[in-house]
Amino acid sequence: MSTRLLPRYADRVRMNHWFVALMFVLAALSGLAFFHPSFYFFTALFGGGQWTRILHPFMGVLMTLGFLGLFFRLWRQNLITDADREWRRNAGRMMRGDKAGMPPAGKYNYGQKAVFWLMTLSLLVMLITGVMFWEPWFTPYFSIGLMLIAALGFYLQSVSLLMVDLFLMGTQSAFFGPVKYSILPDHLDEDELIGGNAIVEAGTFLSILLGTIIGGILIMREGGMEIVYAIIVAMAALG
């Protein structure tokens, strides 16, 4: 009697998986080269600093596209069910080595499904922030898009959506906020830089404070939410 094997994955799925893993390693190494000067020696793996700068975003995009192939094949099998929630409640048994006492799981248990959705979210954030970082000319369009997401979050009264949008806005500010300080030496004398930095810093915090106060007042008025939508989108469009 011949042995019958049950294949867990088809060959094309395994090749897809290893392609994503390879792109992840290459993107990580090339990214580390720019993260800190002590890691700059990684550029030698890609032909020097200029080629590393050129190749890094392409490897990130290829990794994302490769993961999309896995995502569309596997997302239905990774939906969280009541059985998965039961598995999660008994996860302590797994940590103690009591596998026999665990509830039955399908092809993927709760832990594996959680990793799948975490990877999906991480890849999405990486793609968005990567485009923002490597393609500065997209920045104005991202500002408008982020404000539209904020308007949608207010309209739906979705705290989760607003928190995601706040994270993306903070990421954008972290990348491009320092630019306003870097241009000061081109317009001010050396003895004016301290005062110039102080004015820019004060203007930044004053804008945050006024926006918080005025937004809070407007949104409590009748029709105020619509006014806030219009103001934030208009401000983003004006740059």
C-alpha atoms as a PDB file:
ATOM      1  CA  MET A   1       0.000   0.000   0.000  1.00  0.00           C
ATOM      2  CA  SER A   2       1.542   3.322  -1.098  1.00  0.00           C
ATOM      3  CA  THR A   3       1.864   6.207   1.345  1.00  0.00           C
ATOM      4  CA  ARG A   4      -0.426   9.139   0.619  1.00  0.00           C
ATOM      5  CA  LEU A   5       0.834  12.566   1.610  1.00  0.00           C
ATOM      6  CA  LEU A   6      -1.312  15.575   2.371  1.00  0.00           C
ATOM      7  CA  PRO A   7       0.469  18.671   0.997  1.00  0.00           C
ATOM      8  CA  ARG A   8       0.191  21.645   3.358  1.00  0.00           C
ATOM      9  CA  TYR A   9       1.100  24.170   0.659  1.00  0.00           C
ATOM     10  CA  ALA A  10       1.463  24.040  -3.095  1.00  0.00           C
ATOM     11  CA  ASP A  11       4.909  24.667  -4.555  1.00  0.00           C
ATOM     12  CA  ARG A  12       3.905  28.080  -5.928  1.00  0.00           C
ATOM     13  CA  VAL A  13       2.775  29.185  -2.450  1.00  0.00           C
ATOM     14  CA  ARG A  14       6.080  28.105  -0.911  1.00  0.00           C
ATOM     15  CA  MET A  15       8.003  29.959  -3.628  1.00  0.00           C
ATOM     16  CA  ASN A  16       5.866  33.034  -2.954  1.00  0.00           C
ATOM     17  CA  HIS A  17       6.638  32.746   0.764  1.00  0.00           C
ATOM     18  CA  TRP A  18      10.404  32.506   0.236  1.00  0.00           C
ATOM     19  CA  PHE A  19      10.339  35.417  -2.206  1.00  0.00           C
ATOM     20  CA  VAL A  20       8.705  37.596   0.470  1.00  0.00           C
ATOM     21  CA  ALA A  21      11.250  36.397   3.052  1.00  0.00           C
ATOM     22  CA  LEU A  22      14.168  37.183   0.710  1.00  0.00           C
ATOM     23  CA  MET A  23      12.847  40.671  -0.070  1.00  0.00           C
ATOM     24  CA  PHE A  24      12.339  41.284   3.655  1.00  0.00           C
ATOM     25  CA  VAL A  25      15.969  40.430   4.457  1.00  0.00           C
ATOM     26  CA  LEU A  26      17.299  42.568   1.594  1.00  0.00           C
ATOM     27  CA  ALA A  27      15.028  45.509   2.452  1.00  0.00           C
ATOM     28  CA  ALA A  28      16.011  45.248   6.134  1.00  0.00           C
ATOM     29  CA  LEU A  29      19.740  45.221   5.399  1.00  0.00           C
ATOM     30  CA  SER A  30      19.532  48.127   2.947  1.00  0.00           C
ATOM     31  CA  GLY A  31      17.294  50.050   5.356  1.00  0.00           C
ATOM     32  CA  LEU A  32      19.695  49.534   8.254  1.00  0.00           C
ATOM     33  CA  ALA A  33      22.452  51.004   6.081  1.00  0.00           C
ATOM     34  CA  PHE A  34      20.625  54.349   6.183  1.00  0.00           C
ATOM     35  CA  PHE A  35      19.238  53.998   9.707  1.00  0.00           C
ATOM     36  CA  HIS A  36      22.574  54.577  11.433  1.00  0.00           C
ATOM     37  CA  PRO A  37      26.113  55.301  10.212  1.00  0.00           C
ATOM     38  CA  SER A  38      27.458  52.234  12.016  1.00  0.00           C
ATOM     39  CA  PHE A  39      25.414  50.050   9.639  1.00  0.00           C
ATOM     40  CA  TYR A  40      26.568  51.818   6.481  1.00  0.00           C
ATOM     41  CA  PHE A  41      28.890  48.904   5.620  1.00  0.00           C
ATOM     42  CA  PHE A  42      25.764  47.001   4.478  1.00  0.00           C
ATOM     43  CA  THR A  43      25.783  49.180   1.357  1.00  0.00           C
ATOM     44  CA  ALA A  44      28.674  47.046   0.103  1.00  0.00           C
ATOM     45  CA  LEU A  45      26.183  44.217  -0.413  1.00  0.00           C
ATOM     46  CA  PHE A  46      24.270  46.306  -2.956  1.00  0.00           C
ATOM     47  CA  GLY A  47      27.072  48.034  -4.865  1.00  0.00           C
ATOM     48  CA  GLY A  48      27.548  51.127  -2.715  1.00  0.00           C
ATOM     49  CA  GLY A  49      25.430  53.856  -1.185  1.00  0.00           C
ATOM     50  CA  GLN A  50      23.868  55.144  -4.397  1.00  0.00           C
ATOM     51  CA  TRP A  51      22.723  51.721  -5.566  1.00  0.00           C
ATOM     52  CA  THR A  52      21.450  50.903  -2.088  1.00  0.00           C
ATOM     53  CA  ARG A  53      19.385  54.095  -2.158  1.00  0.00           C
ATOM     54  CA  ILE A  54      17.994  53.161  -5.586  1.00  0.00           C
ATOM     55  CA  LEU A  55      17.235  49.508  -4.827  1.00  0.00           C
ATOM     56  CA  HIS A  56      15.795  49.814  -1.313  1.00  0.00           C
ATOM     57  CA  PRO A  57      12.327  51.167  -2.247  1.00  0.00           C
ATOM     58  CA  PHE A  58      11.975  48.672  -5.081  1.00  0.00           C
ATOM     59  CA  MET A  59      12.696  45.776  -2.714  1.00  0.00           C
ATOM     60  CA  GLY A  60      10.058  47.125  -0.320  1.00  0.00           C
ATOM     61  CA  VAL A  61       7.478  47.329  -3.105  1.00  0.00           C
ATOM     62  CA  LEU A  62       8.343  43.819  -4.352  1.00  0.00           C
ATOM     63  CA  MET A  63       8.009  42.462  -0.808  1.00  0.00           C
ATOM     64  CA  THR A  64       4.572  44.094  -0.484  1.00  0.00           C
ATOM     65  CA  LEU A  65       3.415  42.751  -3.855  1.00  0.00           C
ATOM     66  CA  GLY A  66       4.683  39.287  -2.944  1.00  0.00           C
ATOM     67  CA  PHE A  67       2.833  39.391   0.360  1.00  0.00           C
ATOM     68  CA  LEU A  68      -0.357  40.419  -1.449  1.00  0.00           C
ATOM     69  CA  GLY A  69      -0.134  37.109  -3.322  1.00  0.00           C
ATOM     70  CA  LEU A  70      -0.105  35.273   0.016  1.00  0.00           C
ATOM     71  CA  PHE A  71      -2.770  37.539   1.497  1.00  0.00           C
ATOM     72  CA  PHE A  72      -5.369  36.878  -1.187  1.00  0.00           C
ATOM     73  CA  ARG A  73      -4.729  33.129  -0.954  1.00  0.00           C
ATOM     74  CA  LEU A  74      -4.881  32.883   2.828  1.00  0.00           C
ATOM     75  CA  TRP A  75      -6.982  35.701   4.302  1.00  0.00           C
ATOM     76  CA  ARG A  76     -10.218  33.694   4.494  1.00  0.00           C
ATOM     77  CA  GLN A  77      -8.466  30.901   6.386  1.00  0.00           C
ATOM     78  CA  ASN A  78      -7.125  33.459   8.875  1.00  0.00           C
ATOM     79  CA  LEU A  79     -10.418  35.017   9.929  1.00  0.00           C
ATOM     80  CA  ILE A  80     -10.840  34.865  13.716  1.00  0.00           C
ATOM     81  CA  THR A  81     -13.635  32.517  14.824  1.00  0.00           C
ATOM     82  CA  ASP A  82     -15.200  31.542  18.165  1.00  0.00           C
ATOM     83  CA  ALA A  83     -12.982  28.451  18.192  1.00  0.00           C
ATOM     84  CA  ASP A  84      -9.928  30.699  17.919  1.00  0.00           C
ATOM     85  CA  ARG A  85     -11.104  32.798  20.854  1.00  0.00           C
ATOM     86  CA  GLU A  86     -11.464  29.598  22.891  1.00  0.00           C
ATOM     87  CA  TRP A  87      -7.939  28.620  21.853  1.00  0.00           C
ATOM     88  CA  ARG A  88      -6.684  32.035  23.003  1.00  0.00           C
ATOM     89  CA  ARG A  89      -8.311  31.632  26.422  1.00  0.00           C
ATOM     90  CA  ASN A  90      -6.441  28.352  26.853  1.00  0.00           C
ATOM     91  CA  ALA A  91      -3.119  29.586  25.474  1.00  0.00           C
ATOM     92  CA  GLY A  92      -1.570  29.248  28.925  1.00  0.00           C
ATOM     93  CA  ARG A  93      -1.749  25.474  28.580  1.00  0.00           C
ATOM     94  CA  MET A  94       0.290  25.660  25.393  1.00  0.00           C
ATOM     95  CA  MET A  95       2.924  27.732  27.202  1.00  0.00           C
ATOM     96  CA  ARG A  96       3.103  25.057  29.909  1.00  0.00           C
ATOM     97  CA  GLY A  97       3.558  22.327  27.285  1.00  0.00           C
ATOM     98  CA  ASP A  98       0.064  20.838  27.677  1.00  0.00           C
ATOM     99  CA  LYS A  99      -0.725  20.540  23.968  1.00  0.00           C
ATOM    100  CA  ALA A 100      -3.188  17.710  24.598  1.00  0.00           C
ATOM    101  CA  GLY A 101      -5.353  20.030  26.688  1.00  0.00           C
ATOM    102  CA  MET A 102      -5.694  22.638  23.948  1.00  0.00           C
ATOM    103  CA  PRO A 103      -8.999  23.047  22.080  1.00  0.00           C
ATOM    104  CA  PRO A 104      -8.961  21.792  18.485  1.00  0.00           C
ATOM    105  CA  ALA A 105      -7.745  24.259  15.853  1.00  0.00           C
ATOM    106  CA  GLY A 106      -8.052  24.260  12.102  1.00  0.00           C
ATOM    107  CA  LYS A 107      -5.207  24.765   9.673  1.00  0.00           C
ATOM    108  CA  TYR A 108      -4.073  27.808  11.651  1.00  0.00           C
ATOM    109  CA  ASN A 109      -4.437  28.415  15.384  1.00  0.00           C
ATOM    110  CA  TYR A 110      -5.178  31.783  16.951  1.00  0.00           C
ATOM    111  CA  GLY A 111      -1.503  32.662  17.392  1.00  0.00           C
ATOM    112  CA  GLN A 112      -0.712  32.031  13.745  1.00  0.00           C
ATOM    113  CA  LYS A 113      -3.722  34.069  12.655  1.00  0.00           C
ATOM    114  CA  ALA A 114      -2.703  36.952  14.908  1.00  0.00           C
ATOM    115  CA  VAL A 115       0.767  36.939  13.329  1.00  0.00           C
ATOM    116  CA  PHE A 116      -0.802  36.956   9.844  1.00  0.00           C
ATOM    117  CA  TRP A 117      -2.906  40.067  10.564  1.00  0.00           C
ATOM    118  CA  LEU A 118      -0.009  41.773  12.356  1.00  0.00           C
ATOM    119  CA  MET A 119       2.172  41.210   9.292  1.00  0.00           C
ATOM    120  CA  THR A 120      -0.579  42.585   7.057  1.00  0.00           C
ATOM    121  CA  LEU A 121      -0.888  45.759   9.126  1.00  0.00           C
ATOM    122  CA  SER A 122       2.894  46.154   9.350  1.00  0.00           C
ATOM    123  CA  LEU A 123       3.315  45.806   5.581  1.00  0.00           C
ATOM    124  CA  LEU A 124       0.578  48.388   5.014  1.00  0.00           C
ATOM    125  CA  VAL A 125       2.205  50.884   7.376  1.00  0.00           C
ATOM    126  CA  MET A 126       5.632  50.182   5.843  1.00  0.00           C
ATOM    127  CA  LEU A 127       4.309  50.795   2.335  1.00  0.00           C
ATOM    128  CA  ILE A 128       2.595  54.069   3.243  1.00  0.00           C
ATOM    129  CA  THR A 129       5.495  55.464   5.262  1.00  0.00           C
ATOM    130  CA  GLY A 130       7.998  54.191   2.701  1.00  0.00           C
ATOM    131  CA  VAL A 131       6.328  56.057  -0.138  1.00  0.00           C
ATOM    132  CA  MET A 132       6.114  59.169   2.047  1.00  0.00           C
ATOM    133  CA  PHE A 133       9.818  58.905   2.897  1.00  0.00           C
ATOM    134  CA  TRP A 134      11.251  58.032  -0.503  1.00  0.00           C
ATOM    135  CA  GLU A 135       8.951  60.106  -2.685  1.00  0.00           C
ATOM    136  CA  PRO A 136       8.806  63.587  -1.118  1.00  0.00           C
ATOM    137  CA  TRP A 137       6.712  64.958  -3.972  1.00  0.00           C
ATOM    138  CA  PHE A 138       3.796  62.775  -2.779  1.00  0.00           C
ATOM    139  CA  THR A 139       3.716  64.552   0.570  1.00  0.00           C
ATOM    140  CA  PRO A 140       1.031  67.174  -0.237  1.00  0.00           C
ATOM    141  CA  TYR A 141      -1.274  64.463  -1.550  1.00  0.00           C
ATOM    142  CA  PHE A 142      -0.770  62.399   1.603  1.00  0.00           C
ATOM    143  CA  SER A 143      -1.716  65.389   3.732  1.00  0.00           C
ATOM    144  CA  ILE A 144      -4.996  65.727   1.869  1.00  0.00           C
ATOM    145  CA  GLY A 145      -5.642  61.991   2.077  1.00  0.00           C
ATOM    146  CA  LEU A 146      -4.905  61.899   5.793  1.00  0.00           C
ATOM    147  CA  MET A 147      -7.309  64.772   6.419  1.00  0.00           C
ATOM    148  CA  LEU A 148      -9.997  62.995   4.399  1.00  0.00           C
ATOM    149  CA  ILE A 149      -9.458  59.917   6.581  1.00  0.00           C
ATOM    150  CA  ALA A 150      -9.768  62.146   9.661  1.00  0.00           C
ATOM    151  CA  ALA A 151     -13.016  63.608   8.318  1.00  0.00           C
ATOM    152  CA  LEU A 152     -14.333  60.092   7.724  1.00  0.00           C
ATOM    153  CA  GLY A 153     -13.307  59.102  11.261  1.00  0.00           C
ATOM    154  CA  PHE A 154     -15.212  62.048  12.736  1.00  0.00           C
ATOM    155  CA  TYR A 155     -18.238  61.303  10.551  1.00  0.00           C
ATOM    156  CA  LEU A 156     -18.298  57.623  11.576  1.00  0.00           C
ATOM    157  CA  GLN A 157     -17.306  58.519  15.150  1.00  0.00           C
ATOM    158  CA  SER A 158     -14.667  55.802  14.884  1.00  0.00           C
ATOM    159  CA  VAL A 159     -11.972  56.166  17.532  1.00  0.00           C
ATOM    160  CA  SER A 160      -9.936  53.343  15.947  1.00  0.00           C
ATOM    161  CA  LEU A 161      -9.836  55.043  12.550  1.00  0.00           C
ATOM    162  CA  LEU A 162      -8.888  58.359  14.138  1.00  0.00           C
ATOM    163  CA  MET A 163      -6.068  56.697  16.106  1.00  0.00           C
ATOM    164  CA  VAL A 164      -4.674  55.109  12.926  1.00  0.00           C
ATOM    165  CA  ASP A 165      -4.876  58.457  11.152  1.00  0.00           C
ATOM    166  CA  LEU A 166      -3.165  60.179  14.094  1.00  0.00           C
ATOM    167  CA  PHE A 167      -0.316  57.663  13.868  1.00  0.00           C
ATOM    168  CA  LEU A 168       0.099  58.300  10.129  1.00  0.00           C
ATOM    169  CA  MET A 169       0.030  62.074  10.655  1.00  0.00           C
ATOM    170  CA  GLY A 170       2.700  61.752  13.347  1.00  0.00           C
ATOM    171  CA  THR A 171       4.824  59.606  11.031  1.00  0.00           C
ATOM    172  CA  GLN A 172       4.575  62.181   8.277  1.00  0.00           C
ATOM    173  CA  SER A 173       5.521  64.962  10.703  1.00  0.00           C
ATOM    174  CA  ALA A 174       8.509  62.947  11.961  1.00  0.00           C
ATOM    175  CA  PHE A 175       9.845  62.650   8.409  1.00  0.00           C
ATOM    176  CA  PHE A 176       9.232  66.176   7.175  1.00  0.00           C
ATOM    177  CA  GLY A 177       8.889  68.310  10.315  1.00  0.00           C
ATOM    178  CA  PRO A 178      12.676  68.793  10.705  1.00  0.00           C
ATOM    179  CA  VAL A 179      12.845  70.340   7.227  1.00  0.00           C
ATOM    180  CA  LYS A 180      11.634  73.694   8.564  1.00  0.00           C
ATOM    181  CA  TYR A 181      14.670  73.816  10.842  1.00  0.00           C
ATOM    182  CA  SER A 182      17.142  72.734   8.167  1.00  0.00           C
ATOM    183  CA  ILE A 183      16.320  75.674   5.897  1.00  0.00           C
ATOM    184  CA  LEU A 184      16.921  78.314   8.590  1.00  0.00           C
ATOM    185  CA  PRO A 185      20.708  78.561   7.994  1.00  0.00           C
ATOM    186  CA  ASP A 186      19.969  79.468   4.359  1.00  0.00           C
ATOM    187  CA  HIS A 187      17.919  82.497   5.412  1.00  0.00           C
ATOM    188  CA  LEU A 188      19.383  83.622   8.755  1.00  0.00           C
ATOM    189  CA  ASP A 189      22.792  84.694   9.971  1.00  0.00           C
ATOM    190  CA  GLU A 190      24.541  82.513  12.537  1.00  0.00           C
ATOM    191  CA  ASP A 191      23.711  84.851  15.416  1.00  0.00           C
ATOM    192  CA  GLU A 192      20.023  84.787  14.403  1.00  0.00           C
ATOM    193  CA  LEU A 193      19.590  80.989  14.421  1.00  0.00           C
ATOM    194  CA  ILE A 194      18.668  80.681  18.112  1.00  0.00           C
ATOM    195  CA  GLY A 195      15.920  83.260  17.774  1.00  0.00           C
ATOM    196  CA  GLY A 196      14.743  81.742  14.486  1.00  0.00           C
ATOM    197  CA  ASN A 197      14.515  78.275  16.017  1.00  0.00           C
ATOM    198  CA  ALA A 198      12.574  79.706  18.944  1.00  0.00           C
ATOM    199  CA  ILE A 199      10.084  81.426  16.642  1.00  0.00           C
ATOM    200  CA  VAL A 200       9.546  78.282  14.564  1.00  0.00           C
ATOM    201  CA  GLU A 201       9.137  76.143  17.693  1.00  0.00           C
ATOM    202  CA  ALA A 202       6.753  78.642  19.275  1.00  0.00           C
ATOM    203  CA  GLY A 203       4.715  78.860  16.068  1.00  0.00           C
ATOM    204  CA  THR A 204       4.446  75.060  15.921  1.00  0.00           C
ATOM    205  CA  PHE A 205       3.146  74.704  19.474  1.00  0.00           C
ATOM    206  CA  LEU A 206       0.900  77.746  19.156  1.00  0.00           C
ATOM    207  CA  SER A 207      -0.685  76.249  16.038  1.00  0.00           C
ATOM    208  CA  ILE A 208      -1.282  72.945  17.867  1.00  0.00           C
ATOM    209  CA  LEU A 209      -2.798  74.752  20.844  1.00  0.00           C
ATOM    210  CA  LEU A 210      -5.062  77.003  18.740  1.00  0.00           C
ATOM    211  CA  GLY A 211      -6.154  74.083  16.573  1.00  0.00           C
ATOM    212  CA  THR A 212      -7.102  72.071  19.639  1.00  0.00           C
ATOM    213  CA  ILE A 213      -9.058  74.950  21.201  1.00  0.00           C
ATOM    214  CA  ILE A 214     -10.816  76.158  18.036  1.00  0.00           C
ATOM    215  CA  GLY A 215     -11.579  72.608  16.869  1.00  0.00           C
ATOM    216  CA  GLY A 216     -13.056  71.750  20.247  1.00  0.00           C
ATOM    217  CA  ILE A 217     -15.271  74.845  20.208  1.00  0.00           C
ATOM    218  CA  LEU A 218     -16.441  74.399  16.613  1.00  0.00           C
ATOM    219  CA  ILE A 219     -17.266  70.726  16.835  1.00  0.00           C
ATOM    220  CA  MET A 220     -19.628  71.360  19.772  1.00  0.00           C
ATOM    221  CA  ARG A 221     -21.716  73.808  17.727  1.00  0.00           C
ATOM    222  CA  GLU A 222     -24.624  72.832  15.507  1.00  0.00           C
ATOM    223  CA  GLY A 223     -23.162  71.796  12.170  1.00  0.00           C
ATOM    224  CA  GLY A 224     -19.710  72.177  13.662  1.00  0.00           C
ATOM    225  CA  MET A 225     -18.519  68.759  12.567  1.00  0.00           C
ATOM    226  CA  GLU A 226     -19.046  69.686   8.905  1.00  0.00           C
ATOM    227  CA  ILE A 227     -17.133  72.938   9.471  1.00  0.00           C
ATOM    228  CA  VAL A 228     -14.222  70.994  10.973  1.00  0.00           C
ATOM    229  CA  TYR A 229     -14.228  68.613   7.976  1.00  0.00           C
ATOM    230  CA  ALA A 230     -13.989  71.527   5.573  1.00  0.00           C
ATOM    231  CA  ILE A 231     -11.287  73.361   7.527  1.00  0.00           C
ATOM    232  CA  ILE A 232      -8.895  70.421   7.927  1.00  0.00           C
ATOM    233  CA  VAL A 233      -9.201  69.357   4.278  1.00  0.00           C
ATOM    234  CA  ALA A 234      -8.810  72.957   3.075  1.00  0.00           C
ATOM    235  CA  MET A 235      -5.741  73.492   5.279  1.00  0.00           C
ATOM    236  CA  ALA A 236      -4.162  70.295   3.903  1.00  0.00           C
ATOM    237  CA  ALA A 237      -4.899  71.363   0.313  1.00  0.00           C
ATOM    238  CA  LEU A 238      -3.285  74.758   0.921  1.00  0.00           C
ATOM    239  CA  GLY A 239      -0.171  73.013   2.242  1.00  0.00           C
END
